[in-house]
Amino acid sequence: MRNEIANFRDCKSIAIMGGTFDPIHHGHLVTAEAVRYRFKVDKVVFMPAGQPAHKTNKKVTHNEHRYLMTVLATMRNENFEVSRIEIDRAGVTYTIDTIEELKRMCRPDVRLYFITGADAIHQIMTWKESERLLGMCDFVAVTRPGYDKSKLFQDIGEIREKFSSRVHYMEVPALAISSSDIRERAKRGAPIKYLLPQEVEDYIHKFGLYQDDAEDEVKFMLPVETMQEKLQSALSVKRYIHTMGVAEEAVKLAEIYGTPQDQQKARVAGLLHDCAKDYPEAMRLRFCKEYKVKTDEIMEKQTDLIHPFLGAEVARREYQVTDEDILNAIRYHTTGRAGMSLLEKIIFIADYIEPNREKFDGLEEARRLAYLDLDMAMKYILESTIAFVKERGRLLHPLSLEALEYYKHCVEKEETE
């Protein structure tokens, strides 16, 4: 978000190109450039929608896919920017909130142009705080050739007269291209070339977007090879070797206790469990604030406990992981917690026993128990870890104590049955 503030601070005028961009196509790009030229704006900001209020019942491709396709489509135009304002906002997305947030990022006298389809003008009075919104920015209503403009001009006239708002009209031939048609073509295997930038077409094919309405959540993430490349840059050599060992060990445990899908998840969670581990302390705290990662008093006093919780958010944002089980396995791999899922236990244990660990007392016993019973291994590792932390006078997180009590009970229950 700070980069966005820097990009917008000096702009005297900005046009906002909102939309789901599912996918972005040449019609969007031609429209943005036409508005930029006509109104002489400094920047056109593409704003991929998060959870649009008017599409709450419609399936929309995952936020990160739509964001990255928009970045790929606009990266060659220095006058275009892509913002995460809406996709990073929790809950339903409203235009008034976006305009207010963007205004806070800009100079006080900035002039904003909001680009929207002509159909939206007919419905604008149903939008949240529509009267205030109409006074905050200019609206640019765009249509494709052949659109019935009589009702549009009538609505524009009424808005101008009633609210003294500036509403402009533009006809853009390239808007004959539609995202829904591209999705349907991709689903049928029909050509989509020349309807959208080559980089976006390549992205769609690479991730198999629009092929199946019942896509598995695990599909919504970067390829494993790409993750490994990013991790090589983000981690020290020692940390990267450890990471690869955890992923390897996690897959072995998943082969014994889980399904093929669990093995896939275990590899990803193992790779990403320490993705924020090598961040300097100041960076951890800054990202926690920016990403809204909740910290408690113990984590703030002992900042090495922050990295798994921050890591889950980094995995979501930078590695496009949406599977909550994977994210929780990253989040709780250091503290543990009561009632962990199979994957959470696998990552917690794999982190402790991975093959590159230097030998220490109890390591071989932990490895033996891991391949015998996961709950017994959890109890043993938690006991050993808590004793180690106490011995060094460090702070214990309550989640670890709760986890130990939980797995003590699990093991006792197994032994009496």
Protein backbone atom coordinates (compact mmCIF):
# COMPACT_ATOMS: atom_id res chain seq x y z
CA MET A 1 0.00 0.00 0.00
CA ARG A 2 2.89 2.39 0.69
CA ASN A 3 4.08 2.06 -2.88
CA GLU A 4 0.60 3.03 -4.06
CA ILE A 5 0.67 6.16 -1.90
CA ALA A 6 3.99 7.15 -3.44
CA ASN A 7 2.62 6.59 -6.94
CA PHE A 8 -0.50 8.72 -6.39
CA ARG A 9 0.73 11.53 -4.12
CA ASP A 10 1.83 13.90 -6.89
CA CYS A 11 -1.05 13.25 -9.29
CA LYS A 12 -3.37 16.17 -10.02
CA SER A 13 -5.93 13.92 -11.70
CA ILE A 14 -6.59 10.18 -11.63
CA ALA A 15 -9.03 7.95 -13.48
CA ILE A 16 -10.23 4.83 -11.69
CA MET A 17 -10.93 1.79 -13.83
CA GLY A 18 -12.89 -0.59 -11.63
CA GLY A 19 -14.08 -4.07 -12.51
CA THR A 20 -13.75 -7.74 -11.71
CA PHE A 21 -11.31 -8.13 -14.65
CA ASP A 22 -12.24 -11.79 -14.94
CA PRO A 23 -10.26 -11.69 -17.17
CA ILE A 24 -9.00 -8.25 -18.17
CA HIS A 25 -9.08 -7.78 -21.96
CA HIS A 26 -8.26 -5.27 -24.70
CA GLY A 27 -11.62 -3.52 -24.24
CA HIS A 28 -10.62 -2.51 -20.73
CA LEU A 29 -7.20 -1.30 -21.88
CA VAL A 30 -8.53 0.68 -24.85
CA THR A 31 -11.14 2.31 -22.60
CA ALA A 32 -8.57 3.29 -19.99
CA GLU A 33 -6.25 4.83 -22.59
CA ALA A 34 -9.13 6.69 -24.26
CA VAL A 35 -10.20 8.21 -20.92
CA ARG A 36 -6.59 9.09 -20.07
CA TYR A 37 -6.21 10.91 -23.40
CA ARG A 38 -9.55 12.72 -23.36
CA PHE A 39 -9.37 13.99 -19.78
CA LYS A 40 -5.56 14.37 -19.65
CA VAL A 41 -5.30 12.44 -16.38
CA ASP A 42 -1.91 11.69 -14.82
CA LYS A 43 -2.67 8.06 -14.02
CA VAL A 44 -5.30 5.44 -14.69
CA VAL A 45 -5.65 3.16 -11.67
CA PHE A 46 -7.03 -0.30 -12.39
CA MET A 47 -8.95 -1.46 -9.33
CA PRO A 48 -9.73 -5.21 -9.35
CA ALA A 49 -12.85 -5.73 -7.27
CA GLY A 50 -12.76 -7.70 -4.06
CA GLN A 51 -16.27 -8.88 -3.23
CA PRO A 52 -18.51 -6.55 -5.27
CA ALA A 53 -21.85 -5.74 -3.67
CA HIS A 54 -23.66 -6.37 -6.97
CA LYS A 55 -22.02 -9.78 -7.56
CA THR A 56 -22.36 -11.46 -4.17
CA ASN A 57 -24.26 -14.39 -5.71
CA LYS A 58 -21.96 -14.83 -8.71
CA LYS A 59 -18.79 -16.90 -8.84
CA VAL A 60 -15.73 -14.75 -9.40
CA THR A 61 -12.21 -16.06 -10.01
CA HIS A 62 -9.87 -15.80 -7.03
CA ASN A 63 -8.64 -12.28 -6.21
CA GLU A 64 -4.95 -12.97 -6.73
CA HIS A 65 -5.45 -14.46 -10.20
CA ARG A 66 -7.46 -11.40 -11.29
CA TYR A 67 -4.94 -9.02 -9.72
CA LEU A 68 -1.95 -10.68 -11.38
CA MET A 69 -3.65 -10.81 -14.79
CA THR A 70 -4.33 -7.07 -14.45
CA VAL A 71 -0.70 -6.40 -13.56
CA LEU A 72 0.48 -8.41 -16.58
CA ALA A 73 -1.90 -6.55 -18.90
CA THR A 74 -0.90 -3.05 -17.76
CA MET A 75 2.80 -3.35 -16.98
CA ARG A 76 3.97 -1.93 -20.33
CA ASN A 77 2.06 1.35 -19.91
CA GLU A 78 3.77 3.77 -17.52
CA ASN A 79 0.52 5.70 -17.12
CA PHE A 80 -1.32 2.67 -15.74
CA GLU A 81 -1.21 1.45 -12.14
CA VAL A 82 -2.90 -1.49 -10.44
CA SER A 83 -4.23 -1.14 -6.89
CA ARG A 84 -4.93 -3.78 -4.23
CA ILE A 85 -7.26 -1.48 -2.27
CA GLU A 86 -10.40 -3.49 -2.97
CA ILE A 87 -9.04 -7.05 -3.08
CA ASP A 88 -7.32 -6.53 0.28
CA ARG A 89 -10.46 -5.15 1.93
CA ALA A 90 -12.44 -7.68 3.94
CA GLY A 91 -16.15 -8.09 3.30
CA VAL A 92 -18.35 -6.62 0.59
CA THR A 93 -16.75 -3.91 -1.57
CA TYR A 94 -18.46 -0.52 -1.97
CA THR A 95 -17.31 2.21 -4.36
CA ILE A 96 -17.74 4.98 -1.77
CA ASP A 97 -15.21 3.27 0.52
CA THR A 98 -12.73 2.92 -2.34
CA ILE A 99 -13.01 6.57 -3.36
CA GLU A 100 -12.56 7.72 0.24
CA GLU A 101 -9.47 5.54 0.71
CA LEU A 102 -7.96 6.67 -2.58
CA LYS A 103 -8.55 10.33 -1.69
CA ARG A 104 -6.63 9.84 1.55
CA MET A 105 -3.68 8.61 -0.51
CA CYS A 106 -3.68 11.61 -2.87
CA ARG A 107 -3.12 15.35 -2.69
CA PRO A 108 -6.15 17.29 -1.36
CA ASP A 109 -6.98 18.94 -4.70
CA VAL A 110 -6.85 15.74 -6.81
CA ARG A 111 -9.60 15.35 -9.39
CA LEU A 112 -10.94 11.81 -9.68
CA TYR A 113 -12.71 10.26 -12.67
CA PHE A 114 -14.57 7.03 -12.06
CA ILE A 115 -14.95 4.94 -15.23
CA THR A 116 -18.04 2.75 -15.29
CA GLY A 117 -20.27 0.94 -17.74
CA ALA A 118 -23.39 2.71 -18.96
CA ASP A 119 -25.59 0.11 -17.25
CA ALA A 120 -24.20 1.17 -13.87
CA ILE A 121 -25.37 4.76 -14.41
CA HIS A 122 -28.95 3.48 -14.54
CA GLN A 123 -28.43 1.83 -11.13
CA ILE A 124 -26.17 4.37 -9.45
CA MET A 125 -28.84 5.73 -7.10
CA THR A 126 -29.03 2.28 -5.49
CA TRP A 127 -25.31 2.36 -4.61
CA LYS A 128 -24.17 2.95 -1.04
CA GLU A 129 -24.24 6.70 -0.19
CA SER A 130 -24.82 7.50 -3.86
CA GLU A 131 -25.52 11.22 -3.37
CA ARG A 132 -22.25 11.79 -1.51
CA LEU A 133 -20.41 9.62 -4.04
CA LEU A 134 -21.69 11.72 -6.95
CA GLY A 135 -20.14 14.78 -5.34
CA MET A 136 -16.73 13.20 -4.78
CA CYS A 137 -15.68 12.44 -8.36
CA ASP A 138 -16.54 12.75 -12.03
CA PHE A 139 -18.22 9.75 -13.63
CA VAL A 140 -17.34 8.57 -17.12
CA ALA A 141 -20.05 6.33 -18.60
CA VAL A 142 -18.65 4.14 -21.38
CA THR A 143 -20.63 2.09 -23.89
CA ARG A 144 -20.05 -0.12 -26.86
CA PRO A 145 -21.39 0.87 -30.32
CA GLY A 146 -25.09 0.13 -30.76
CA TYR A 147 -26.00 0.74 -27.13
CA ASP A 148 -29.39 2.44 -26.70
CA LYS A 149 -28.27 5.86 -25.48
CA SER A 150 -31.65 7.56 -25.08
CA LYS A 151 -32.28 6.28 -21.54
CA LEU A 152 -28.60 6.83 -20.65
CA PHE A 153 -28.69 10.50 -21.72
CA GLN A 154 -31.92 10.98 -19.79
CA ASP A 155 -30.36 9.54 -16.61
CA ILE A 156 -27.19 11.59 -17.06
CA GLY A 157 -29.26 14.75 -17.47
CA GLU A 158 -31.28 14.06 -14.32
CA ILE A 159 -28.12 13.37 -12.28
CA ARG A 160 -26.46 16.57 -13.51
CA GLU A 161 -29.54 18.63 -12.76
CA LYS A 162 -30.35 17.14 -9.36
CA PHE A 163 -26.85 16.74 -7.91
CA SER A 164 -24.76 19.18 -9.99
CA SER A 165 -22.52 16.20 -10.69
CA ARG A 166 -20.15 15.85 -13.62
CA VAL A 167 -21.09 12.80 -15.66
CA HIS A 168 -19.42 12.28 -19.03
CA TYR A 169 -20.18 9.89 -21.89
CA MET A 170 -17.81 7.95 -24.16
CA GLU A 171 -18.37 5.30 -26.81
CA VAL A 172 -15.56 2.71 -27.04
CA PRO A 173 -15.69 0.22 -29.94
CA ALA A 174 -13.37 -2.27 -28.19
CA LEU A 175 -15.99 -2.80 -25.44
CA ALA A 176 -17.69 -5.24 -27.80
CA ILE A 177 -15.21 -7.71 -26.25
CA SER A 178 -16.58 -9.20 -23.03
CA SER A 179 -15.00 -11.12 -20.16
CA SER A 180 -17.92 -13.54 -20.02
CA ASP A 181 -17.41 -14.44 -23.69
CA ILE A 182 -13.69 -15.02 -23.06
CA ARG A 183 -14.46 -17.28 -20.09
CA GLU A 184 -16.93 -19.27 -22.14
CA ARG A 185 -14.47 -19.62 -25.02
CA ALA A 186 -11.71 -20.77 -22.65
CA LYS A 187 -14.06 -23.32 -21.12
CA ARG A 188 -14.89 -24.75 -24.58
CA GLY A 189 -11.26 -24.70 -25.66
CA ALA A 190 -12.04 -22.10 -28.34
CA PRO A 191 -9.40 -19.47 -29.26
CA ILE A 192 -9.12 -16.37 -27.09
CA LYS A 193 -6.04 -14.97 -28.84
CA TYR A 194 -6.18 -11.25 -29.76
CA LEU A 195 -9.11 -10.66 -27.39
CA LEU A 196 -6.70 -9.95 -24.55
CA PRO A 197 -2.95 -9.39 -24.07
CA GLN A 198 -0.71 -12.38 -24.79
CA GLU A 199 0.62 -12.35 -21.23
CA VAL A 200 -2.91 -12.75 -19.87
CA GLU A 201 -3.73 -15.53 -22.33
CA ASP A 202 -0.55 -17.35 -21.28
CA TYR A 203 -1.49 -16.93 -17.61
CA ILE A 204 -4.98 -18.36 -18.21
CA HIS A 205 -3.53 -21.41 -19.93
CA LYS A 206 -0.79 -21.87 -17.32
CA PHE A 207 -3.23 -22.02 -14.42
CA GLY A 208 -6.08 -23.68 -16.31
CA LEU A 209 -8.49 -20.88 -15.47
CA TYR A 210 -12.11 -21.14 -16.60
CA GLN A 211 -11.77 -24.87 -17.34
CA ASP A 212 -13.94 -26.18 -14.55
CA ASP A 213 -16.59 -24.47 -12.44
CA ALA A 214 -15.69 -26.73 -9.50
CA GLU A 215 -12.01 -25.86 -9.22
CA ASP A 216 -10.10 -27.24 -6.25
CA GLU A 217 -8.92 -24.53 -3.86
CA VAL A 218 -5.39 -25.97 -3.95
CA LYS A 219 -5.23 -24.85 -7.58
CA PHE A 220 -5.28 -21.22 -6.51
CA MET A 221 -1.57 -20.83 -5.85
CA LEU A 222 1.74 -20.46 -7.59
CA PRO A 223 3.36 -23.59 -9.06
CA VAL A 224 5.68 -25.34 -6.60
CA GLU A 225 8.69 -24.61 -8.82
CA THR A 226 7.90 -20.88 -8.72
CA MET A 227 7.52 -21.01 -4.93
CA GLN A 228 10.95 -22.59 -4.62
CA GLU A 229 12.50 -19.90 -6.82
CA LYS A 230 10.94 -17.14 -4.69
CA LEU A 231 12.05 -18.83 -1.49
CA GLN A 232 15.64 -19.08 -2.70
CA SER A 233 15.67 -15.28 -2.86
CA ALA A 234 13.77 -14.75 0.39
CA LEU A 235 15.67 -17.16 2.66
CA SER A 236 19.26 -17.69 3.72
CA VAL A 237 21.00 -20.79 2.36
CA LYS A 238 20.73 -22.53 5.74
CA ARG A 239 17.03 -21.68 6.06
CA TYR A 240 16.32 -22.84 2.49
CA ILE A 241 17.99 -26.21 3.14
CA HIS A 242 15.90 -26.59 6.28
CA THR A 243 12.76 -25.64 4.33
CA MET A 244 13.38 -28.28 1.67
CA GLY A 245 13.95 -30.85 4.41
CA VAL A 246 10.64 -29.98 6.10
CA ALA A 247 8.77 -30.28 2.78
CA GLU A 248 10.40 -33.66 2.11
CA GLU A 249 9.59 -34.96 5.59
CA ALA A 250 6.03 -33.63 5.46
CA VAL A 251 5.34 -35.48 2.21
CA LYS A 252 6.63 -38.74 3.75
CA LEU A 253 4.33 -38.37 6.74
CA ALA A 254 1.39 -37.49 4.48
CA GLU A 255 2.04 -40.64 2.44
CA ILE A 256 1.57 -42.70 5.61
CA TYR A 257 -1.29 -40.86 7.29
CA GLY A 258 -3.09 -39.01 4.50
CA THR A 259 -4.28 -38.93 0.90
CA PRO A 260 -2.56 -37.83 -2.34
CA GLN A 261 -4.13 -34.40 -1.86
CA ASP A 262 -2.70 -34.28 1.67
CA GLN A 263 0.72 -34.96 0.16
CA GLN A 264 0.31 -31.99 -2.20
CA LYS A 265 -0.77 -29.76 0.67
CA ALA A 266 2.06 -31.03 2.87
CA ARG A 267 4.66 -30.13 0.25
CA VAL A 268 3.30 -26.57 -0.09
CA ALA A 269 2.90 -26.00 3.67
CA GLY A 270 6.39 -27.43 4.27
CA LEU A 271 7.91 -25.14 1.67
CA LEU A 272 6.19 -22.03 3.02
CA HIS A 273 6.24 -22.67 6.77
CA ASP A 274 9.25 -20.35 7.29
CA CYS A 275 8.61 -17.95 4.39
CA ALA A 276 8.71 -14.95 6.78
CA LYS A 277 11.37 -16.35 9.14
CA ASP A 278 14.29 -14.34 7.75
CA TYR A 279 12.50 -10.98 7.81
CA PRO A 280 14.29 -8.50 10.11
CA GLU A 281 12.36 -7.66 13.27
CA ALA A 282 11.40 -4.18 12.10
CA MET A 283 10.08 -5.60 8.82
CA ARG A 284 8.04 -8.25 10.65
CA LEU A 285 6.34 -5.61 12.77
CA ARG A 286 5.74 -3.35 9.78
CA PHE A 287 4.20 -6.13 7.71
CA CYS A 288 2.05 -7.25 10.63
CA LYS A 289 0.61 -3.75 10.74
CA GLU A 290 0.12 -3.49 6.98
CA TYR A 291 -1.31 -7.01 6.62
CA LYS A 292 -3.42 -6.66 9.80
CA VAL A 293 -1.82 -9.71 11.44
CA LYS A 294 -2.94 -9.81 15.07
CA THR A 295 -0.15 -10.04 17.63
CA ASP A 296 -0.37 -10.44 21.38
CA GLU A 297 1.81 -9.26 24.25
CA ILE A 298 3.99 -12.38 24.26
CA MET A 299 4.59 -12.24 20.50
CA GLU A 300 5.55 -8.57 20.72
CA LYS A 301 8.03 -9.30 23.52
CA GLN A 302 9.43 -12.37 21.78
CA THR A 303 9.24 -11.46 18.11
CA ASP A 304 10.49 -14.81 16.77
CA LEU A 305 6.97 -16.08 17.57
CA ILE A 306 5.54 -13.66 15.00
CA HIS A 307 6.98 -15.31 11.88
CA PRO A 308 4.48 -18.23 11.57
CA PHE A 309 1.46 -15.95 11.91
CA LEU A 310 2.92 -13.41 9.50
CA GLY A 311 4.07 -16.27 7.25
CA ALA A 312 0.49 -17.45 6.77
CA GLU A 313 -0.45 -14.00 5.47
CA VAL A 314 2.65 -13.83 3.27
CA ALA A 315 1.71 -17.25 1.85
CA ARG A 316 -1.77 -15.93 1.08
CA ARG A 317 -0.65 -12.68 -0.54
CA GLU A 318 2.68 -13.48 -2.18
CA TYR A 319 2.28 -17.20 -2.95
CA GLN A 320 -1.46 -17.12 -3.69
CA VAL A 321 -2.37 -19.86 -1.19
CA THR A 322 -6.08 -19.83 -0.35
CA ASP A 323 -6.42 -23.26 1.27
CA GLU A 324 -7.13 -22.53 4.95
CA ASP A 325 -5.69 -25.86 6.09
CA ILE A 326 -2.34 -25.00 4.50
CA LEU A 327 -2.45 -21.50 5.99
CA ASN A 328 -3.22 -22.86 9.47
CA ALA A 329 -0.40 -25.40 9.18
CA ILE A 330 1.97 -22.48 8.55
CA ARG A 331 0.35 -20.34 11.24
CA TYR A 332 0.65 -22.90 14.08
CA HIS A 333 3.84 -24.77 13.17
CA THR A 334 5.79 -23.12 16.01
CA THR A 335 3.30 -22.82 18.89
CA GLY A 336 0.99 -25.69 18.03
CA ARG A 337 -2.57 -25.52 19.31
CA ALA A 338 -5.27 -27.80 20.67
CA GLY A 339 -7.19 -29.86 18.12
CA MET A 340 -4.79 -29.51 15.19
CA SER A 341 -5.74 -30.91 11.79
CA LEU A 342 -3.77 -33.77 10.23
CA LEU A 343 -1.83 -31.33 8.07
CA GLU A 344 -1.08 -29.00 10.99
CA LYS A 345 0.37 -31.91 12.99
CA ILE A 346 2.42 -33.12 10.03
CA ILE A 347 4.07 -29.70 9.51
CA PHE A 348 4.66 -29.18 13.24
CA ILE A 349 6.36 -32.56 13.51
CA ALA A 350 8.22 -32.34 10.18
CA ASP A 351 9.72 -29.02 11.27
CA TYR A 352 11.15 -30.74 14.35
CA ILE A 353 12.48 -33.96 12.78
CA GLU A 354 13.45 -32.97 9.21
CA PRO A 355 16.57 -34.83 7.97
CA ASN A 356 18.88 -31.79 7.92
CA ARG A 357 18.51 -31.13 11.64
CA GLU A 358 21.75 -31.30 13.62
CA LYS A 359 21.54 -34.08 16.20
CA PHE A 360 20.21 -33.21 19.66
CA ASP A 361 18.84 -35.17 22.60
CA GLY A 362 15.42 -36.59 21.81
CA LEU A 363 15.57 -36.17 18.02
CA GLU A 364 15.67 -39.89 17.24
CA GLU A 365 12.85 -40.62 19.67
CA ALA A 366 10.73 -37.90 18.07
CA ARG A 367 11.41 -39.47 14.64
CA ARG A 368 10.46 -42.92 15.92
CA LEU A 369 7.19 -41.68 17.39
CA ALA A 370 6.33 -39.67 14.25
CA TYR A 371 6.16 -42.88 12.22
CA LEU A 372 4.27 -44.70 14.96
CA ASP A 373 1.57 -42.27 16.13
CA LEU A 374 1.21 -38.55 15.39
CA ASP A 375 -0.49 -37.68 18.67
CA MET A 376 2.26 -39.40 20.68
CA ALA A 377 4.84 -37.48 18.63
CA MET A 378 2.98 -34.21 19.26
CA LYS A 379 2.97 -34.83 23.03
CA TYR A 380 6.67 -35.73 23.09
CA ILE A 381 7.78 -32.77 20.95
CA LEU A 382 5.66 -30.29 22.89
CA GLU A 383 7.05 -31.54 26.20
CA SER A 384 10.61 -31.31 24.89
CA THR A 385 10.09 -27.86 23.36
CA ILE A 386 8.42 -26.41 26.45
CA ALA A 387 11.20 -27.76 28.68
CA PHE A 388 13.79 -26.23 26.33
CA VAL A 389 12.05 -22.84 26.37
CA LYS A 390 11.72 -22.81 30.16
CA GLU A 391 15.35 -23.82 30.60
CA ARG A 392 16.46 -20.76 28.66
CA GLY A 393 14.12 -18.41 30.49
CA ARG A 394 12.14 -17.54 27.39
CA LEU A 395 8.42 -16.80 27.19
CA LEU A 396 5.93 -19.60 26.50
CA HIS A 397 2.92 -18.93 24.36
CA PRO A 398 -0.40 -20.12 25.90
CA LEU A 399 -1.20 -21.98 22.66
CA SER A 400 1.70 -24.35 23.32
CA LEU A 401 0.52 -25.11 26.85
CA GLU A 402 -3.03 -25.69 25.60
CA ALA A 403 -1.68 -27.98 22.89
CA LEU A 404 0.33 -30.04 25.38
CA GLU A 405 -2.69 -30.56 27.65
CA TYR A 406 -4.78 -31.54 24.65
CA TYR A 407 -2.31 -34.15 23.36
CA LYS A 408 -1.65 -35.53 26.83
CA HIS A 409 -5.36 -36.21 27.02
CA CYS A 410 -5.38 -37.75 23.51
CA VAL A 411 -2.53 -40.15 24.36
CA GLU A 412 -4.05 -41.10 27.72
CA LYS A 413 -7.35 -41.81 26.00
CA GLU A 414 -5.64 -44.03 23.40
CA GLU A 415 -3.78 -45.96 26.10
CA THR A 416 -6.97 -46.73 28.06
CA GLU A 417 -8.97 -47.90 25.05
